[in-house]
Amino acid sequence: MKIINGGVTAPEGFFATGVACGLKKDGKKDLALVCSEDLAAAAGVFTTNLVKGHSLQLTMEHIRNGFATAVLINSGNANACVGEVGLENAREMAALTANYLECRPEDVLVGSTGVIGVPLNMDAIRKGIELAIEELSPDGGHDAVEAIMTTDLLPKEIAVEINIGGEKVVIGAMAKGSGMIHPNLATMIAVITSDVNISPAMLNRALKKAVKHTFNRVSVDGDTSVCDMVIAMANGLSDSPGITEEDGNFNIFFEALEFVCTELARMIARDGEGATKLIEVVAENAPTEEDAYKIVCAIAKSPLVKTAVFGEDANWGRIFTAAGYSGAKFNPDLTDIYLGDLMVCCNGVAVPFDEAEAARILHEKEIKIRVDLKSGNFSDRMWTCDFSYDYVKINGSYRS
């Protein structure tokens, strides 16, 4: 596998664009379109929040047949909690796009992200769809990722090339997400494309397996939004052999897909609202898989841990405290805690450590917190970021 230039249009037969239609007050791009020249196998993973946006509800309905031609995503408005008109507008977005692309409305998936409770400006959307169709390009992936950004500071995209059955296969992807991020899924939208020849059932299996320990292991602030989705499309335009079962070719594809999801997940955590540091939280040697997950989840979303990292304060007691209230079962008297490679707690007791070395570790842009429970064979990890002053500033005036 090798990383190549590009994003969602890197695979054969995919086109994309991003345009400004007037949904954002700053005039930036706010409508993205990604499409395949042929009907593609499609799979999706969606927010577990009981409250769901209208665009997301429609996509969940459309993707049930396992196929899609295009994904249309607007930013600047979540199209959520506005009543029946929200679903009507989502259906119109799909129908208009389908009419231009000469496909069925049910083969168009839609997504929305932004402020909740405000109806979409459909006059702007209609003009935007027409403009997007005109500007579709095999080089339009970067414009598309810019158009789905909300509070993101950095665009998130990646492409990789692999070999399956002696043939080149490409996976491309883009994502947005910066705040309101927490498993399962968050205020994030990701679109993954590939020219691999794979059945809808196997694509669905690969995506759900890949998301479990990547996108579902990111937490910025502990909030899970109502519009979150990860969509994968595979149009089969490569000459690779068909994947219809979990064989060696499936494993090659899955490993590359998981790598792509991992990289995007790390980008989201690194670009957390107001973030200055990427934090990887690892729990090792836990009694059960669930215990390991509970511990990394509690530590990753702890405001006290995240502010300590921002302040570069080696206050490891906050880490231990979060593990203790996580609901996991473990023996505190066996627990070791590390900041990077520096042990700060041994068997549940403070140990002398070099404060200067701790300060150096916490000054880095990427920090690893490791908790060794010495109580079993299960491990897990989660990516998060620090809490800075800017996080409050951004979220204190989000609607304005």
Protein backbone atom coordinates (compact mmCIF):
# COMPACT_ATOMS: atom_id res chain seq x y z
CA MET A 1 0.00 0.00 0.00
CA LYS A 2 1.21 3.50 -0.76
CA ILE A 3 -0.25 6.92 -0.08
CA ILE A 4 -0.93 8.90 -3.26
CA ASN A 5 -2.11 12.42 -3.99
CA GLY A 6 -5.80 13.11 -4.03
CA GLY A 7 -9.02 12.42 -2.20
CA VAL A 8 -12.43 11.17 -3.27
CA THR A 9 -11.69 11.52 -6.99
CA ALA A 10 -8.45 9.53 -6.89
CA PRO A 11 -10.19 6.20 -7.77
CA GLU A 12 -11.20 5.55 -11.36
CA GLY A 13 -14.58 6.91 -12.40
CA PHE A 14 -15.29 9.39 -9.59
CA PHE A 15 -16.00 13.08 -10.02
CA ALA A 16 -16.56 15.81 -7.45
CA THR A 17 -16.85 19.50 -6.81
CA GLY A 18 -17.56 22.02 -4.11
CA VAL A 19 -19.36 25.30 -4.71
CA ALA A 20 -20.61 28.33 -2.77
CA CYS A 21 -24.39 28.65 -2.96
CA GLY A 22 -25.00 31.08 -0.12
CA LEU A 23 -25.72 28.89 2.90
CA LYS A 24 -22.65 30.16 4.74
CA LYS A 25 -22.54 33.81 5.75
CA ASP A 26 -18.88 34.15 4.81
CA GLY A 27 -19.39 33.19 1.16
CA LYS A 28 -17.21 30.09 1.42
CA LYS A 29 -17.96 26.81 -0.36
CA ASP A 30 -20.96 25.09 1.21
CA LEU A 31 -22.27 22.45 -1.22
CA ALA A 32 -20.31 19.35 -2.22
CA LEU A 33 -21.14 16.71 -4.80
CA VAL A 34 -19.33 13.39 -5.26
CA CYS A 35 -20.51 10.98 -7.94
CA SER A 36 -19.52 7.84 -9.79
CA GLU A 37 -19.85 7.45 -13.53
CA ASP A 38 -21.42 4.03 -12.88
CA LEU A 39 -23.78 2.82 -10.18
CA ALA A 40 -21.62 1.85 -7.20
CA ALA A 41 -21.96 -0.55 -4.31
CA ALA A 42 -22.67 1.55 -1.23
CA ALA A 43 -22.58 1.16 2.53
CA GLY A 44 -23.05 3.53 5.44
CA VAL A 45 -22.60 3.88 9.18
CA PHE A 46 -24.72 6.45 10.99
CA THR A 47 -24.99 8.29 14.29
CA THR A 48 -26.48 6.42 17.24
CA ASN A 49 -28.09 9.62 18.49
CA LEU A 50 -31.84 9.06 18.80
CA VAL A 51 -32.35 12.50 17.25
CA LYS A 52 -31.45 12.35 13.56
CA GLY A 53 -31.29 15.02 10.88
CA HIS A 54 -33.71 14.81 7.95
CA SER A 55 -31.00 14.44 5.30
CA LEU A 56 -29.44 11.59 7.26
CA GLN A 57 -32.83 9.88 7.63
CA LEU A 58 -33.29 9.94 3.86
CA THR A 59 -29.81 8.57 3.25
CA MET A 60 -30.47 5.70 5.67
CA GLU A 61 -33.57 4.92 3.61
CA HIS A 62 -31.85 5.17 0.22
CA ILE A 63 -28.78 3.11 1.10
CA ARG A 64 -30.78 0.03 2.10
CA ASN A 65 -30.61 -1.32 -1.47
CA GLY A 66 -26.80 -1.35 -1.29
CA PHE A 67 -26.16 0.95 -4.24
CA ALA A 68 -25.64 4.67 -4.94
CA THR A 69 -24.47 6.96 -7.70
CA ALA A 70 -23.84 10.21 -5.85
CA VAL A 71 -23.54 11.94 -2.47
CA LEU A 72 -24.69 15.56 -2.08
CA ILE A 73 -23.67 17.34 1.14
CA ASN A 74 -24.36 20.86 2.32
CA SER A 75 -22.66 22.66 5.18
CA GLY A 76 -23.91 25.69 7.07
CA ASN A 77 -27.24 24.07 7.97
CA ALA A 78 -27.92 20.71 9.61
CA ASN A 79 -31.43 20.33 8.11
CA ALA A 80 -32.45 18.88 11.46
CA CYS A 81 -35.43 19.33 13.79
CA VAL A 82 -37.47 21.49 11.40
CA GLY A 83 -40.42 19.14 10.88
CA GLU A 84 -41.80 17.60 7.69
CA VAL A 85 -40.31 20.32 5.50
CA GLY A 86 -36.85 19.00 6.38
CA LEU A 87 -37.55 15.60 4.87
CA GLU A 88 -39.29 17.21 1.89
CA ASN A 89 -36.23 19.36 1.24
CA ALA A 90 -33.90 16.35 1.50
CA ARG A 91 -36.05 14.47 -1.02
CA GLU A 92 -35.97 17.45 -3.38
CA MET A 93 -32.18 17.66 -3.10
CA ALA A 94 -31.91 14.00 -4.10
CA ALA A 95 -34.46 14.32 -6.90
CA LEU A 96 -32.84 17.41 -8.44
CA THR A 97 -29.40 15.81 -8.36
CA ALA A 98 -30.77 12.58 -9.84
CA ASN A 99 -32.46 14.49 -12.65
CA TYR A 100 -29.19 16.14 -13.67
CA LEU A 101 -27.20 12.90 -13.36
CA GLU A 102 -29.91 10.83 -15.08
CA CYS A 103 -30.15 8.33 -12.26
CA ARG A 104 -32.85 7.36 -9.77
CA PRO A 105 -33.48 9.65 -6.77
CA GLU A 106 -32.96 6.66 -4.46
CA ASP A 107 -29.42 6.37 -5.83
CA VAL A 108 -28.54 9.81 -4.47
CA LEU A 109 -27.45 10.10 -0.83
CA VAL A 110 -27.65 13.43 0.97
CA GLY A 111 -25.99 14.89 4.03
CA SER A 112 -26.23 18.17 5.92
CA THR A 113 -24.12 19.72 8.67
CA GLY A 114 -24.34 23.00 10.56
CA VAL A 115 -26.85 24.72 12.80
CA ILE A 116 -29.84 22.69 14.03
CA GLY A 117 -33.42 23.99 13.87
CA VAL A 118 -33.18 26.28 10.84
CA PRO A 119 -34.94 25.34 7.54
CA LEU A 120 -32.74 25.02 4.47
CA ASN A 121 -32.63 27.88 1.97
CA MET A 122 -33.86 25.77 -0.94
CA ASP A 123 -33.55 28.57 -3.50
CA ALA A 124 -29.83 28.62 -2.75
CA ILE A 125 -29.64 24.81 -2.77
CA ARG A 126 -31.35 24.57 -6.18
CA LYS A 127 -28.93 27.04 -7.74
CA GLY A 128 -26.04 25.32 -6.00
CA ILE A 129 -26.92 21.88 -7.37
CA GLU A 130 -27.06 23.25 -10.90
CA LEU A 131 -23.69 24.93 -10.44
CA ALA A 132 -22.19 21.80 -8.90
CA ILE A 133 -23.29 19.68 -11.86
CA GLU A 134 -21.63 22.13 -14.24
CA GLU A 135 -18.37 22.06 -12.28
CA LEU A 136 -18.04 18.31 -11.67
CA SER A 137 -14.46 17.28 -12.32
CA PRO A 138 -12.12 14.31 -11.87
CA ASP A 139 -9.90 16.82 -10.03
CA GLY A 140 -12.65 18.30 -7.87
CA GLY A 141 -12.04 16.33 -4.67
CA HIS A 142 -10.29 19.15 -2.82
CA ASP A 143 -13.11 21.59 -3.60
CA ALA A 144 -15.58 19.03 -2.26
CA VAL A 145 -13.79 18.63 1.07
CA GLU A 146 -13.62 22.41 1.49
CA ALA A 147 -17.37 22.62 0.96
CA ILE A 148 -18.25 20.25 3.82
CA MET A 149 -16.16 22.06 6.44
CA THR A 150 -17.86 23.90 9.31
CA THR A 151 -15.56 24.88 12.18
CA ASP A 152 -12.76 22.78 10.66
CA LEU A 153 -9.52 24.65 10.22
CA LEU A 154 -7.95 22.04 7.95
CA PRO A 155 -9.37 19.98 5.06
CA LYS A 156 -9.16 16.24 5.66
CA GLU A 157 -8.54 13.97 2.68
CA ILE A 158 -6.39 11.00 1.74
CA ALA A 159 -5.89 8.45 -1.03
CA VAL A 160 -4.04 5.14 -1.14
CA GLU A 161 -3.16 2.62 -3.82
CA ILE A 162 -3.12 -1.14 -3.26
CA ASN A 163 -2.75 -4.27 -5.36
CA ILE A 164 -5.50 -6.87 -5.50
CA GLY A 165 -5.08 -9.86 -7.78
CA GLY A 166 -2.26 -8.14 -9.63
CA GLU A 167 -4.41 -5.09 -10.40
CA LYS A 168 -4.22 -1.55 -9.05
CA VAL A 169 -7.03 -0.50 -6.72
CA VAL A 170 -7.41 3.00 -5.27
CA ILE A 171 -9.26 4.18 -2.17
CA GLY A 172 -9.93 7.90 -1.73
CA ALA A 173 -11.66 9.70 1.11
CA MET A 174 -12.63 13.00 2.65
CA ALA A 175 -14.04 13.94 6.04
CA LYS A 176 -15.16 16.90 8.10
CA GLY A 177 -15.29 17.18 11.84
CA SER A 178 -13.86 19.42 14.52
CA GLY A 179 -16.35 19.75 17.36
CA MET A 180 -19.29 17.81 18.81
CA ILE A 181 -17.22 14.66 18.33
CA HIS A 182 -17.70 11.50 20.36
CA PRO A 183 -18.50 7.82 19.67
CA ASN A 184 -20.54 6.44 18.25
CA LEU A 185 -19.80 8.79 15.42
CA ALA A 186 -20.01 12.51 15.94
CA THR A 187 -20.39 15.81 14.06
CA MET A 188 -18.40 14.27 11.31
CA ILE A 189 -19.22 13.29 7.79
CA ALA A 190 -16.91 11.09 5.75
CA VAL A 191 -17.14 9.89 2.17
CA ILE A 192 -14.94 7.02 1.03
CA THR A 193 -14.65 6.05 -2.63
CA SER A 194 -12.95 3.15 -4.38
CA ASP A 195 -12.75 1.50 -7.77
CA VAL A 196 -12.50 -1.94 -6.14
CA ASN A 197 -14.83 -4.65 -7.40
CA ILE A 198 -16.71 -5.67 -4.24
CA SER A 199 -20.25 -6.75 -3.41
CA PRO A 200 -22.46 -4.44 -1.32
CA ALA A 201 -22.54 -7.02 1.47
CA MET A 202 -18.75 -7.24 1.68
CA LEU A 203 -18.36 -3.45 1.44
CA ASN A 204 -20.83 -3.08 4.30
CA ARG A 205 -18.93 -5.63 6.36
CA ALA A 206 -15.56 -3.99 5.70
CA LEU A 207 -16.84 -0.50 6.50
CA LYS A 208 -18.48 -1.42 9.80
CA LYS A 209 -15.41 -3.37 10.85
CA ALA A 210 -13.10 -0.49 9.94
CA VAL A 211 -15.17 2.19 11.66
CA LYS A 212 -15.28 0.36 15.01
CA HIS A 213 -11.73 1.22 16.09
CA THR A 214 -11.18 4.35 13.98
CA PHE A 215 -14.02 6.87 13.65
CA ASN A 216 -15.65 5.34 16.72
CA ARG A 217 -12.50 5.98 18.70
CA VAL A 218 -12.43 9.76 18.34
CA SER A 219 -13.66 12.14 21.03
CA VAL A 220 -13.22 15.90 21.02
CA ASP A 221 -15.81 17.02 23.55
CA GLY A 222 -18.07 14.10 24.50
CA ASP A 223 -21.01 15.19 22.31
CA THR A 224 -22.53 13.03 19.58
CA SER A 225 -24.40 14.96 16.88
CA VAL A 226 -27.52 14.22 14.82
CA CYS A 227 -26.10 14.35 11.29
CA ASP A 228 -23.11 12.01 11.42
CA MET A 229 -22.41 9.46 8.74
CA VAL A 230 -19.65 7.59 6.99
CA ILE A 231 -20.49 6.60 3.43
CA ALA A 232 -18.47 4.21 1.25
CA MET A 233 -18.94 3.77 -2.50
CA ALA A 234 -17.16 1.23 -4.73
CA ASN A 235 -17.84 1.34 -8.48
CA GLY A 236 -15.82 -1.72 -9.57
CA LEU A 237 -14.07 0.12 -12.43
CA SER A 238 -10.68 -1.36 -11.61
CA ASP A 239 -9.75 -4.68 -13.18
CA SER A 240 -9.39 -6.34 -9.79
CA PRO A 241 -11.12 -9.67 -9.13
CA GLY A 242 -14.52 -9.48 -7.47
CA ILE A 243 -14.68 -9.67 -3.67
CA THR A 244 -17.74 -11.63 -2.54
CA GLU A 245 -16.42 -13.29 0.61
CA GLU A 246 -13.91 -12.70 3.40
CA ASP A 247 -10.89 -14.06 1.55
CA GLY A 248 -7.35 -12.80 1.10
CA ASN A 249 -8.43 -10.06 -1.31
CA PHE A 250 -11.02 -8.86 1.19
CA ASN A 251 -8.32 -8.65 3.86
CA ILE A 252 -6.07 -6.57 1.59
CA PHE A 253 -8.90 -4.15 0.91
CA PHE A 254 -9.96 -4.03 4.55
CA GLU A 255 -6.47 -3.24 5.82
CA ALA A 256 -6.21 -0.32 3.40
CA LEU A 257 -9.71 0.88 4.28
CA GLU A 258 -8.90 0.75 7.99
CA PHE A 259 -5.70 2.72 7.37
CA VAL A 260 -7.67 5.42 5.53
CA CYS A 261 -10.24 5.61 8.34
CA THR A 262 -7.46 5.75 10.95
CA GLU A 263 -5.72 8.65 9.24
CA LEU A 264 -8.95 10.62 8.88
CA ALA A 265 -9.88 9.94 12.51
CA ARG A 266 -6.50 11.28 13.66
CA MET A 267 -6.96 14.36 11.47
CA ILE A 268 -10.33 15.03 13.10
CA ALA A 269 -8.90 14.76 16.61
CA ARG A 270 -5.89 16.91 15.71
CA ASP A 271 -8.22 19.57 14.27
CA GLY A 272 -10.54 19.60 17.28
CA GLU A 273 -12.06 23.00 17.96
CA GLY A 274 -9.38 25.15 19.58
CA ALA A 275 -7.03 22.18 19.85
CA THR A 276 -3.27 22.58 20.19
CA LYS A 277 -2.37 18.92 20.75
CA LEU A 278 -3.40 15.46 19.51
CA ILE A 279 -3.75 12.97 22.39
CA GLU A 280 -3.77 9.19 22.05
CA VAL A 281 -5.19 7.41 25.10
CA VAL A 282 -4.30 3.73 25.43
CA ALA A 283 -5.53 1.18 27.96
CA GLU A 284 -3.51 -2.05 28.09
CA ASN A 285 -4.00 -5.42 29.74
CA ALA A 286 -7.59 -4.83 30.81
CA PRO A 287 -9.80 -7.68 32.12
CA THR A 288 -12.27 -7.35 29.20
CA GLU A 289 -12.68 -5.52 25.90
CA GLU A 290 -15.47 -3.46 27.45
CA ASP A 291 -13.31 -2.44 30.40
CA ALA A 292 -10.56 -1.21 28.08
CA TYR A 293 -13.06 0.82 26.06
CA LYS A 294 -14.69 2.37 29.13
CA ILE A 295 -11.34 3.55 30.44
CA VAL A 296 -10.06 5.16 27.24
CA CYS A 297 -13.47 6.74 26.69
CA ALA A 298 -13.60 8.28 30.16
CA ILE A 299 -10.05 9.63 30.00
CA ALA A 300 -10.47 11.00 26.47
CA LYS A 301 -13.57 13.01 27.32
CA SER A 302 -12.43 14.27 30.74
CA PRO A 303 -12.28 18.08 30.71
CA LEU A 304 -9.78 17.95 33.58
CA VAL A 305 -7.41 15.67 31.67
CA LYS A 306 -7.76 17.72 28.49
CA THR A 307 -7.15 21.05 30.23
CA ALA A 308 -4.14 19.63 32.07
CA VAL A 309 -2.62 18.61 28.74
CA PHE A 310 -3.33 22.08 27.33
CA GLY A 311 -1.57 23.61 30.34
CA GLU A 312 1.26 21.07 30.03
CA ASP A 313 0.68 20.03 33.64
CA ALA A 314 1.67 16.42 34.47
CA ASN A 315 -1.37 16.01 36.74
CA TRP A 316 -1.68 12.25 36.26
CA GLY A 317 -4.15 11.99 39.15
CA ARG A 318 -6.83 13.26 36.77
CA ILE A 319 -6.12 10.33 34.45
CA PHE A 320 -6.40 7.82 37.28
CA THR A 321 -9.59 9.46 38.54
CA ALA A 322 -11.24 9.22 35.10
CA ALA A 323 -10.34 5.53 34.87
CA GLY A 324 -11.83 5.03 38.32
CA TYR A 325 -15.23 6.50 37.48
CA SER A 326 -15.39 4.95 34.01
CA GLY A 327 -17.39 1.95 35.22
CA ALA A 328 -14.60 -0.45 34.24
CA LYS A 329 -13.59 -3.23 36.59
CA PHE A 330 -9.87 -3.25 37.41
CA ASN A 331 -7.51 -3.30 40.37
CA PRO A 332 -6.19 0.21 41.11
CA ASP A 333 -3.34 -1.31 43.13
CA LEU A 334 -1.92 -2.89 39.96
CA THR A 335 -2.27 0.11 37.67
CA ASP A 336 0.65 1.93 36.03
CA ILE A 337 0.32 5.25 34.19
CA TYR A 338 2.70 6.69 31.61
CA LEU A 339 2.99 10.04 29.84
CA GLY A 340 4.76 9.02 26.67
CA ASP A 341 7.46 6.65 27.96
CA LEU A 342 7.66 8.38 31.34
CA MET A 343 6.15 6.41 34.24
CA VAL A 344 4.31 8.69 36.64
CA CYS A 345 2.34 6.08 38.64
CA CYS A 346 3.32 2.51 39.58
CA ASN A 347 0.89 0.03 41.11
CA GLY A 348 -1.52 2.85 41.90
CA VAL A 349 1.10 4.91 43.76
CA ALA A 350 2.93 8.09 42.81
CA VAL A 351 6.55 7.62 41.78
CA PRO A 352 9.29 10.27 41.56
CA PHE A 353 9.65 11.46 37.96
CA ASP A 354 11.59 14.09 36.09
CA GLU A 355 9.29 17.13 35.91
CA ALA A 356 11.40 18.65 33.15
CA GLU A 357 11.03 15.50 31.06
CA ALA A 358 7.27 15.49 31.71
CA ALA A 359 7.08 19.12 30.61
CA ARG A 360 9.01 18.27 27.44
CA ILE A 361 6.62 15.41 26.61
CA LEU A 362 3.54 17.55 27.23
CA HIS A 363 4.96 20.32 25.06
CA GLU A 364 4.88 18.05 22.01
CA LYS A 365 2.06 18.33 19.46
CA GLU A 366 1.27 14.61 19.82
CA ILE A 367 1.01 13.06 23.28
CA LYS A 368 0.40 9.47 24.35
CA ILE A 369 -1.26 8.61 27.65
CA ARG A 370 -0.88 4.94 28.53
CA VAL A 371 -2.64 3.10 31.34
CA ASP A 372 -1.40 -0.43 32.05
CA LEU A 373 -3.98 -2.27 34.16
CA LYS A 374 -2.02 -5.53 34.43
CA SER A 375 -5.31 -7.38 34.89
CA GLY A 376 -5.97 -9.14 31.57
CA ASN A 377 -5.21 -9.30 27.86
CA PHE A 378 -7.48 -6.65 26.32
CA SER A 379 -6.46 -3.25 24.98
CA ASP A 380 -8.10 -0.25 23.33
CA ARG A 381 -7.22 3.29 22.29
CA MET A 382 -8.91 6.58 21.57
CA TRP A 383 -7.81 9.83 19.98
CA THR A 384 -8.76 13.17 21.46
CA CYS A 385 -7.31 16.66 21.84
CA ASP A 386 -6.70 19.22 24.54
CA PHE A 387 -9.23 21.85 25.66
CA SER A 388 -8.00 25.39 25.09
CA TYR A 389 -9.50 28.83 25.65
CA ASP A 390 -10.50 28.89 21.98
CA TYR A 391 -12.85 25.92 22.37
CA VAL A 392 -15.12 28.04 24.59
CA LYS A 393 -14.87 31.01 22.25
CA ILE A 394 -15.84 28.93 19.21
CA ASN A 395 -18.79 27.20 20.85
CA GLY A 396 -19.97 30.22 22.79
CA SER A 397 -20.85 31.97 19.52
CA TYR A 398 -21.41 29.08 17.09
CA ARG A 399 -24.69 30.40 15.60
CA SER A 400 -23.22 33.80 14.88
